Amino acid sequence: MRIAVFAYACEPGEGSEPGVGWMWARMLTSLGDVWIVTRANNRAAIESEIDSVPEKDRLHFLYVDLPTWARFWKRGSRGLRLYYLMWQIAAYRKLRRLRIREGPFDIAWHVTLATIWLGSLAPLISNTFVYGPVGGGVNPPLRLLPSLGPKGIVYEAARVLVRSLGRLANPLARLAWRRADLILVQNPEAKRSVPKRHRSKCVVFPNVVLEEADTFIPQVTRAHRTALFAARLLPWKGGALAIRTIAELPGWRLIICGRGPDEARLRKIADRYGVTDMVEFRGWLPREELLQLMSSGTPAFLLPSLHDEAGWAVVEAMSSGCPVVGLDVGGPAVLLGDKAVPARRGVTKTVANLATALLESQHETPDVWARLADRYRLKTRATELAAILVHRLPDALIDLNTDPKPRSSEHPSTERSDSGGISDGQQPSSHEHPA
């Protein structure tokens, strides 16, 4: 089987969107040979890692970027969405040339930056198209909007407007919905954002996939009462709720890892609630240092995010045996299940619920949380994904040489890589994705 994959973000050793692209490329080799078109600035990282993965003989990378004259205006996240749409044209042309030269693809798959309202050109590559996992349907609970501050509320209003216009006016979105044989969605909110006539194609399947080797030996003792918050410091990430939660728990400390435009507001909130000495801002930490911090006996990972689509860090924390306290909104609600904290009763009640959950989380042993994360290991996810595909796309997978063993839920082994393709440009790496 030949699978063509759109993976704008794809980088080994990373979390979030770059990690999604890399791990999904590897996971899809359990179905056949995989051709991944990604950005040229991911090439160095991929080629330094490719020989070390067991799936290498089935992985084929194609590197595409717009020429310098067509992307001079893009700086980090500025202009990302427009650039991404233009990049898809270049990616489509690259795969089309490969299809003409080497034969058709059995499945086209759009993996990263898969957002409901941005759409995809991938369905033009193959008669069978899988879209996602897609996000883009989660909004903050209305009663928690005051926690965002004035700028955060304005941002959310603009975000809802842009997404609505995208769903109505973007022809690529309609193309993706219409041509998709299967739409994997990150969470129930994303499913509800898909037009009703296409919702029967949807299956909730978060994009988190962990390495088999990502196993940490957690410390059983949690003598210090410290919660960890790690995210970009943006209002919707819930830093204000995390600080207010610590203010409800005398003797607890909060370590905030990350940078962002909301830092000044968060420092003011800590001062307002009298917990300046109990809140430590450590700035951005490399992923490996953050994982080590999670696995070194940190009592809890506190991430009361208001619209995360998935929540890669949630599962990474669980895999280290670190208890996770998050809200029943978006991706964390799916990942945490009945452990998620209710978030629709106003700021004061939600903060009280978070404080109670933080205390209760200390009664569970690290191995309980580590076992919850095991379902997101590479081989398990591949098996669950194959079971979904056999059920949903039996004609496309008639020659699939696998024996999927369906599990009790609709959430998900792998093989080898040949790094090939022509780079159409270079640009410094940046981990970026649309809201």
Protein backbone atom coordinates (compact mmCIF):
# COMPACT_ATOMS: atom_id res chain seq x y z
CA MET A 1 0.00 0.00 0.00
CA ARG A 2 1.20 3.50 -0.88
CA ILE A 3 0.21 6.36 1.43
CA ALA A 4 0.79 10.06 0.70
CA VAL A 5 0.94 12.28 3.79
CA PHE A 6 0.70 16.06 4.16
CA ALA A 7 2.75 16.91 7.27
CA TYR A 8 3.71 20.59 7.25
CA ALA A 9 5.16 20.15 10.76
CA CYS A 10 7.34 17.07 11.24
CA GLU A 11 10.34 16.83 13.51
CA PRO A 12 11.73 14.00 15.67
CA GLY A 13 12.21 14.49 19.38
CA GLU A 14 9.54 17.17 19.66
CA GLY A 15 6.05 17.38 21.08
CA SER A 16 3.02 19.23 19.75
CA GLU A 17 2.58 19.52 15.96
CA PRO A 18 6.19 18.63 14.94
CA GLY A 19 5.99 15.50 17.10
CA VAL A 20 2.61 14.61 15.61
CA GLY A 21 4.02 14.69 12.08
CA TRP A 22 7.00 12.50 12.97
CA MET A 23 5.15 9.92 15.07
CA TRP A 24 2.21 9.62 12.67
CA ALA A 25 4.55 9.12 9.72
CA ARG A 26 6.14 6.25 11.61
CA MET A 27 2.79 4.85 12.75
CA LEU A 28 1.36 4.80 9.23
CA THR A 29 4.16 2.49 8.07
CA SER A 30 2.19 -0.28 9.80
CA LEU A 31 -0.17 0.05 6.81
CA GLY A 32 2.36 0.34 3.99
CA ASP A 33 4.99 2.58 2.42
CA VAL A 34 4.60 6.22 3.37
CA TRP A 35 5.59 9.32 1.38
CA ILE A 36 5.61 12.39 3.63
CA VAL A 37 5.75 15.88 2.21
CA THR A 38 6.96 18.36 4.82
CA ARG A 39 8.75 21.67 5.10
CA ALA A 40 12.36 21.94 3.99
CA ASN A 41 13.41 23.33 7.36
CA ASN A 42 12.63 19.94 8.93
CA ARG A 43 15.15 18.13 6.74
CA ALA A 44 18.25 18.31 8.96
CA ALA A 45 16.44 17.00 12.04
CA ILE A 46 14.75 14.19 10.10
CA GLU A 47 17.89 13.03 8.32
CA SER A 48 19.88 12.99 11.55
CA GLU A 49 17.31 10.66 13.13
CA ILE A 50 15.97 8.56 10.29
CA ASP A 51 18.54 5.75 10.42
CA SER A 52 17.79 5.07 14.08
CA VAL A 53 14.11 4.18 13.67
CA PRO A 54 12.94 0.66 12.77
CA GLU A 55 10.45 1.99 10.21
CA LYS A 56 13.10 3.65 8.04
CA ASP A 57 12.70 1.48 4.92
CA ARG A 58 9.04 2.45 4.61
CA LEU A 59 9.47 6.18 5.18
CA HIS A 60 10.15 8.48 2.21
CA PHE A 61 10.41 12.21 2.83
CA LEU A 62 9.85 15.00 0.31
CA TYR A 63 10.90 18.52 1.30
CA VAL A 64 9.01 21.57 0.08
CA ASP A 65 9.03 25.28 0.80
CA LEU A 66 8.08 28.33 -1.18
CA PRO A 67 10.98 30.24 -2.77
CA THR A 68 12.47 33.08 -0.75
CA TRP A 69 10.77 35.78 -2.79
CA ALA A 70 7.37 34.24 -1.96
CA ARG A 71 7.87 34.01 1.80
CA PHE A 72 9.88 37.08 2.80
CA TRP A 73 6.83 38.41 4.66
CA LYS A 74 6.47 35.39 6.92
CA ARG A 75 8.05 35.76 10.38
CA GLY A 76 7.29 33.08 12.97
CA SER A 77 3.53 32.93 13.49
CA ARG A 78 2.93 36.10 11.51
CA GLY A 79 1.37 35.14 8.21
CA LEU A 80 1.39 31.45 9.13
CA ARG A 81 -2.10 30.58 7.90
CA LEU A 82 -1.69 32.24 4.52
CA TYR A 83 1.76 30.71 4.08
CA TYR A 84 0.38 27.30 5.06
CA LEU A 85 -2.34 27.48 2.43
CA MET A 86 0.22 28.47 -0.21
CA TRP A 87 2.56 25.70 0.97
CA GLN A 88 -0.17 23.15 0.35
CA ILE A 89 -0.13 24.07 -3.34
CA ALA A 90 3.60 23.34 -3.52
CA ALA A 91 3.10 20.10 -1.57
CA TYR A 92 0.33 18.99 -3.90
CA ARG A 93 2.49 19.67 -6.98
CA LYS A 94 5.37 17.67 -5.49
CA LEU A 95 3.17 14.64 -4.80
CA ARG A 96 1.39 14.93 -8.14
CA ARG A 97 4.73 14.74 -9.96
CA LEU A 98 5.67 11.70 -7.89
CA ARG A 99 2.31 10.08 -8.67
CA ILE A 100 2.83 10.60 -12.41
CA ARG A 101 6.34 9.21 -12.22
CA GLU A 102 5.86 6.24 -9.87
CA GLY A 103 2.15 5.41 -9.85
CA PRO A 104 -0.97 6.23 -7.82
CA PHE A 105 -1.36 6.40 -4.06
CA ASP A 106 -3.87 4.19 -2.29
CA ILE A 107 -4.59 6.75 0.44
CA ALA A 108 -3.93 10.46 0.87
CA TRP A 109 -3.71 11.61 4.48
CA HIS A 110 -3.58 15.11 5.95
CA VAL A 111 -1.92 14.92 9.37
CA THR A 112 -0.47 18.13 10.81
CA LEU A 113 -1.97 21.60 11.05
CA ALA A 114 -5.16 19.71 10.26
CA THR A 115 -7.76 22.30 11.18
CA ILE A 116 -11.41 22.01 10.26
CA TRP A 117 -11.69 25.47 8.79
CA LEU A 118 -8.34 25.56 6.92
CA GLY A 119 -9.04 22.52 4.73
CA SER A 120 -6.67 20.49 2.57
CA LEU A 121 -5.53 19.81 -1.00
CA ALA A 122 -4.58 16.23 -0.10
CA PRO A 123 -7.88 14.74 -1.44
CA LEU A 124 -6.71 15.66 -4.95
CA ILE A 125 -3.84 13.17 -4.62
CA SER A 126 -5.84 9.95 -4.18
CA ASN A 127 -9.37 8.60 -4.54
CA THR A 128 -9.27 7.69 -0.83
CA PHE A 129 -8.69 10.50 1.65
CA VAL A 130 -8.33 10.52 5.44
CA TYR A 131 -8.53 13.92 7.10
CA GLY A 132 -6.91 14.39 10.47
CA PRO A 133 -6.89 14.15 13.35
CA VAL A 134 -8.41 17.60 12.95
CA GLY A 135 -9.09 20.24 15.55
CA GLY A 136 -10.44 23.75 15.50
CA GLY A 137 -13.77 23.32 17.25
CA VAL A 138 -13.02 24.08 20.90
CA ASN A 139 -14.09 27.38 22.46
CA PRO A 140 -13.54 28.56 26.06
CA PRO A 141 -16.54 28.04 28.36
CA LEU A 142 -18.39 31.35 28.47
CA ARG A 143 -18.36 31.48 32.27
CA LEU A 144 -14.57 31.28 32.30
CA LEU A 145 -13.99 34.16 29.87
CA PRO A 146 -13.29 36.63 32.72
CA SER A 147 -10.13 34.65 33.53
CA LEU A 148 -8.70 35.64 30.14
CA GLY A 149 -8.54 39.37 30.79
CA PRO A 150 -9.66 42.04 28.27
CA LYS A 151 -7.01 41.25 25.65
CA GLY A 152 -7.68 37.53 25.92
CA ILE A 153 -11.42 38.03 25.45
CA VAL A 154 -10.85 40.20 22.36
CA TYR A 155 -8.52 37.56 20.94
CA GLU A 156 -11.09 34.81 21.46
CA ALA A 157 -13.84 36.86 19.83
CA ALA A 158 -11.62 37.47 16.80
CA ARG A 159 -10.65 33.81 16.70
CA VAL A 160 -14.29 32.66 16.64
CA LEU A 161 -15.05 35.14 13.85
CA VAL A 162 -12.09 34.04 11.70
CA ARG A 163 -12.92 30.37 12.15
CA SER A 164 -16.56 30.95 11.25
CA LEU A 165 -15.60 32.83 8.11
CA GLY A 166 -13.15 30.07 7.22
CA ARG A 167 -15.82 27.40 7.51
CA LEU A 168 -18.20 29.41 5.34
CA ALA A 169 -15.84 30.84 2.72
CA ASN A 170 -12.83 28.53 2.41
CA PRO A 171 -13.22 26.19 -0.59
CA LEU A 172 -10.41 23.95 0.69
CA ALA A 173 -12.42 23.25 3.84
CA ARG A 174 -15.46 22.20 1.82
CA LEU A 175 -13.25 20.10 -0.45
CA ALA A 176 -11.76 18.27 2.54
CA TRP A 177 -15.14 17.57 4.18
CA ARG A 178 -16.75 16.42 0.97
CA ARG A 179 -13.94 14.21 -0.31
CA ALA A 180 -12.96 12.67 3.03
CA ASP A 181 -13.74 8.99 3.44
CA LEU A 182 -12.82 9.24 7.12
CA ILE A 183 -12.43 12.29 9.38
CA LEU A 184 -10.45 11.72 12.55
CA VAL A 185 -11.29 14.41 15.10
CA GLN A 186 -9.35 15.36 18.21
CA ASN A 187 -12.37 15.78 20.46
CA PRO A 188 -16.19 15.90 20.45
CA GLU A 189 -16.17 19.69 19.96
CA ALA A 190 -14.28 19.22 16.68
CA LYS A 191 -16.86 16.69 15.55
CA ARG A 192 -19.68 19.14 16.27
CA SER A 193 -17.87 21.73 14.11
CA VAL A 194 -18.02 19.48 11.06
CA PRO A 195 -21.16 20.12 8.98
CA LYS A 196 -23.94 17.71 9.97
CA ARG A 197 -24.05 15.92 6.63
CA HIS A 198 -20.40 14.86 7.08
CA ARG A 199 -20.40 13.95 10.79
CA SER A 200 -21.08 10.28 10.11
CA LYS A 201 -17.53 10.11 8.75
CA CYS A 202 -16.05 11.29 12.08
CA VAL A 203 -14.25 9.23 14.71
CA VAL A 204 -12.75 10.77 17.86
CA PHE A 205 -9.06 9.88 17.79
CA PRO A 206 -6.57 12.31 19.47
CA ASN A 207 -3.28 12.86 17.67
CA VAL A 208 -1.04 11.91 20.62
CA VAL A 209 1.42 9.07 19.90
CA LEU A 210 4.29 8.34 22.30
CA GLU A 211 7.55 6.53 21.63
CA GLU A 212 7.68 3.01 22.97
CA ALA A 213 10.85 4.02 24.83
CA ASP A 214 9.34 7.12 26.47
CA THR A 215 9.06 5.39 29.84
CA PHE A 216 10.24 7.22 32.94
CA ILE A 217 10.81 5.72 36.38
CA PRO A 218 8.70 7.97 38.59
CA GLN A 219 9.56 8.81 42.16
CA VAL A 220 6.96 7.34 44.52
CA THR A 221 7.48 9.97 47.21
CA ARG A 222 6.06 13.44 46.76
CA ALA A 223 7.30 15.21 49.86
CA HIS A 224 7.13 18.73 48.42
CA ARG A 225 3.80 20.28 47.49
CA THR A 226 4.55 21.72 44.07
CA ALA A 227 2.48 21.93 40.91
CA LEU A 228 3.98 22.36 37.45
CA PHE A 229 2.42 24.51 34.72
CA ALA A 230 4.13 24.26 31.32
CA ALA A 231 2.79 26.01 28.22
CA ARG A 232 3.14 29.09 26.07
CA LEU A 233 2.03 31.96 28.25
CA LEU A 234 -1.16 32.89 26.45
CA PRO A 235 -4.42 33.78 28.23
CA TRP A 236 -6.31 30.70 26.99
CA LYS A 237 -3.67 28.33 28.35
CA GLY A 238 -5.11 28.88 31.83
CA GLY A 239 -2.14 30.31 33.71
CA ALA A 240 -4.44 32.68 35.62
CA LEU A 241 -6.58 29.76 36.80
CA ALA A 242 -3.44 27.85 37.84
CA ILE A 243 -2.20 30.77 39.97
CA ARG A 244 -5.60 31.24 41.59
CA THR A 245 -5.72 27.50 42.34
CA ILE A 246 -2.41 27.71 44.22
CA ALA A 247 -3.76 30.70 46.14
CA GLU A 248 -6.47 28.34 47.47
CA LEU A 249 -3.87 25.88 48.80
CA PRO A 250 -1.61 27.23 51.56
CA GLY A 251 1.81 25.62 51.50
CA TRP A 252 1.71 24.78 47.78
CA ARG A 253 4.06 26.22 45.17
CA LEU A 254 3.65 26.65 41.41
CA ILE A 255 6.44 26.39 38.84
CA ILE A 256 5.55 28.08 35.55
CA CYS A 257 7.61 26.97 32.55
CA GLY A 258 7.15 28.90 29.34
CA ARG A 259 7.26 32.32 27.75
CA GLY A 260 4.63 34.45 26.12
CA PRO A 261 2.76 37.75 26.04
CA ASP A 262 0.61 36.87 29.07
CA GLU A 263 3.55 36.73 31.51
CA ALA A 264 3.21 40.30 32.79
CA ARG A 265 -0.51 39.78 33.51
CA LEU A 266 0.21 36.50 35.31
CA ARG A 267 2.80 38.16 37.54
CA LYS A 268 0.25 40.82 38.46
CA ILE A 269 -2.33 38.13 39.28
CA ALA A 270 0.17 36.36 41.55
CA ASP A 271 0.79 39.67 43.34
CA ARG A 272 -2.95 40.41 43.62
CA TYR A 273 -3.64 37.06 45.31
CA GLY A 274 -0.60 37.30 47.60
CA VAL A 275 1.28 34.31 46.20
CA THR A 276 4.22 36.02 44.52
CA ASP A 277 6.64 34.06 46.71
CA MET A 278 4.85 30.81 45.89
CA VAL A 279 4.92 31.19 42.09
CA GLU A 280 8.21 30.70 40.24
CA PHE A 281 8.57 31.75 36.60
CA ARG A 282 11.34 29.61 35.05
CA GLY A 283 10.92 30.64 31.43
CA TRP A 284 11.14 28.26 28.50
CA LEU A 285 12.74 24.85 29.15
CA PRO A 286 13.97 22.34 26.53
CA ARG A 287 11.62 19.39 26.17
CA GLU A 288 14.05 16.92 27.74
CA GLU A 289 14.46 19.11 30.83
CA LEU A 290 10.70 19.44 31.14
CA LEU A 291 10.21 15.67 30.89
CA GLN A 292 12.87 15.18 33.54
CA LEU A 293 11.09 17.65 35.81
CA MET A 294 7.84 15.75 35.36
CA SER A 295 9.46 12.43 36.22
CA SER A 296 11.50 13.62 39.19
CA GLY A 297 8.72 13.48 41.73
CA THR A 298 6.76 16.62 40.81
CA PRO A 299 3.46 16.15 42.67
CA ALA A 300 1.19 17.32 39.84
CA PHE A 301 0.99 18.80 36.36
CA LEU A 302 -1.62 21.58 36.41
CA LEU A 303 -2.88 22.64 32.97
CA PRO A 304 -6.34 24.26 33.11
CA SER A 305 -6.30 25.10 29.40
CA LEU A 306 -9.48 26.55 27.94
CA HIS A 307 -9.26 25.22 24.38
CA ASP A 308 -6.38 22.81 23.76
CA GLU A 309 -7.36 20.56 20.87
CA ALA A 310 -5.35 17.57 22.11
CA GLY A 311 -2.83 18.11 24.88
CA TRP A 312 0.40 16.26 24.10
CA ALA A 313 1.95 17.45 27.38
CA VAL A 314 -0.93 15.87 29.30
CA VAL A 315 0.00 12.38 28.12
CA GLU A 316 3.74 13.00 28.50
CA ALA A 317 3.14 13.95 32.12
CA MET A 318 0.99 10.86 32.69
CA SER A 319 3.66 8.64 31.13
CA SER A 320 6.14 9.89 33.74
CA GLY A 321 3.78 9.00 36.56
CA CYS A 322 2.97 12.64 37.26
CA PRO A 323 -0.70 13.27 38.16
CA VAL A 324 -2.48 15.64 35.77
CA VAL A 325 -5.15 18.16 36.71
CA GLY A 326 -6.99 19.68 33.75
CA LEU A 327 -10.43 20.84 32.69
CA ASP A 328 -13.13 18.88 30.87
CA VAL A 329 -12.69 21.05 27.76
CA GLY A 330 -11.33 19.94 24.38
CA GLY A 331 -8.50 17.44 24.15
CA PRO A 332 -7.65 17.13 27.87
CA ALA A 333 -11.25 16.04 28.51
CA VAL A 334 -10.74 13.12 26.11
CA LEU A 335 -7.30 12.23 27.48
CA LEU A 336 -8.23 12.49 31.17
CA GLY A 337 -11.71 11.00 30.97
CA ASP A 338 -13.54 11.11 34.28
CA LYS A 339 -10.49 12.65 35.95
CA ALA A 340 -11.08 15.95 34.13
CA VAL A 341 -12.35 18.84 36.27
CA PRO A 342 -15.78 20.37 35.47
CA ALA A 343 -15.28 23.81 33.92
CA ARG A 344 -18.69 25.35 33.35
CA ARG A 345 -19.63 26.78 36.73
CA GLY A 346 -17.81 30.11 36.73
CA VAL A 347 -14.24 31.06 37.64
CA THR A 348 -14.56 30.82 41.44
CA LYS A 349 -16.21 27.38 41.38
CA THR A 350 -13.80 26.08 38.75
CA VAL A 351 -10.79 27.21 40.81
CA ALA A 352 -12.24 25.43 43.86
CA ASN A 353 -12.72 22.27 41.77
CA LEU A 354 -9.14 22.47 40.52
CA ALA A 355 -7.83 22.84 44.08
CA THR A 356 -9.83 19.83 45.23
CA ALA A 357 -8.65 17.74 42.28
CA LEU A 358 -5.03 18.73 42.95
CA LEU A 359 -5.28 17.47 46.53
CA GLU A 360 -7.08 14.27 45.52
CA SER A 361 -4.50 13.50 42.83
CA GLN A 362 -1.89 12.99 45.54
CA HIS A 363 -3.62 9.83 46.74
CA GLU A 364 -2.89 7.94 43.49
CA THR A 365 0.41 6.19 42.86
CA PRO A 366 2.56 7.10 39.85
CA ASP A 367 2.02 3.74 38.17
CA VAL A 368 -1.71 4.46 37.90
CA TRP A 369 -0.98 7.49 35.74
CA ALA A 370 1.75 5.74 33.76
CA ARG A 371 -0.70 2.97 32.84
CA LEU A 372 -3.21 5.55 31.60
CA ALA A 373 -0.56 6.81 29.18
CA ASP A 374 0.28 3.34 27.84
CA ARG A 375 -2.73 3.37 25.50
CA TYR A 376 -1.00 6.17 23.57
CA ARG A 377 2.17 4.17 22.84
CA LEU A 378 3.10 3.76 19.19
CA LYS A 379 2.18 0.09 18.75
CA THR A 380 -1.10 0.37 20.63
CA ARG A 381 -2.16 3.42 18.66
CA ALA A 382 -1.24 1.75 15.36
CA THR A 383 -3.32 -1.30 16.23
CA GLU A 384 -6.36 0.81 17.16
CA LEU A 385 -5.99 2.92 14.04
CA ALA A 386 -5.82 -0.17 11.81
CA ALA A 387 -9.01 -1.48 13.43
CA ILE A 388 -10.81 1.79 12.66
CA LEU A 389 -9.59 1.76 9.05
CA VAL A 390 -10.63 -1.83 8.45
CA HIS A 391 -14.10 -0.97 9.72
CA ARG A 392 -14.44 2.37 7.90
CA LEU A 393 -12.40 1.81 4.71
CA PRO A 394 -12.65 -1.92 3.93
CA ASP A 395 -12.32 -1.45 0.15
CA ALA A 396 -9.20 0.69 0.40
CA LEU A 397 -7.56 -1.76 2.79
CA ILE A 398 -8.41 -4.99 1.00
CA ASP A 399 -4.73 -5.82 0.62
CA LEU A 400 -3.71 -4.67 4.08
CA ASN A 401 -1.31 -7.23 5.56
CA THR A 402 -2.22 -6.69 9.17
CA ASP A 403 -4.36 -8.35 11.77
CA PRO A 404 -5.76 -5.47 13.80
CA LYS A 405 -7.05 -6.29 17.23
CA PRO A 406 -9.83 -3.83 18.04
CA ARG A 407 -9.74 -2.39 21.52
CA SER A 408 -12.58 -1.24 23.70
CA SER A 409 -12.44 2.39 22.53
CA GLU A 410 -11.91 4.41 19.39
CA HIS A 411 -8.53 5.81 20.33
CA PRO A 412 -5.20 3.70 18.77
CA SER A 413 2.99 -0.98 15.10
CA THR A 414 5.23 0.34 12.99
CA GLU A 415 8.16 -0.32 10.59
CA ARG A 416 11.21 1.33 8.57
CA SER A 417 12.74 4.97 6.22
CA ASP A 418 14.35 6.14 3.18
CA SER A 419 14.96 9.83 3.19
CA GLY A 420 14.53 11.21 -0.26
CA GLY A 421 13.15 14.10 -2.22
CA ILE A 422 14.17 17.53 -3.40
CA SER A 423 14.18 20.62 -1.23
CA ASP A 424 12.53 23.67 -2.76
CA GLY A 425 13.91 26.07 -0.17
CA GLN A 426 15.30 26.49 3.33
CA GLN A 427 14.09 28.38 6.35
CA PRO A 428 14.96 28.28 10.06
CA SER A 429 12.83 25.82 12.00
CA SER A 430 9.93 27.12 14.05
CA HIS A 431 7.23 25.19 15.89
CA GLU A 432 4.13 26.92 14.74
CA HIS A 433 0.52 26.00 14.27
CA PRO A 434 -2.75 27.78 13.76
CA ALA A 435 -5.27 28.21 16.55
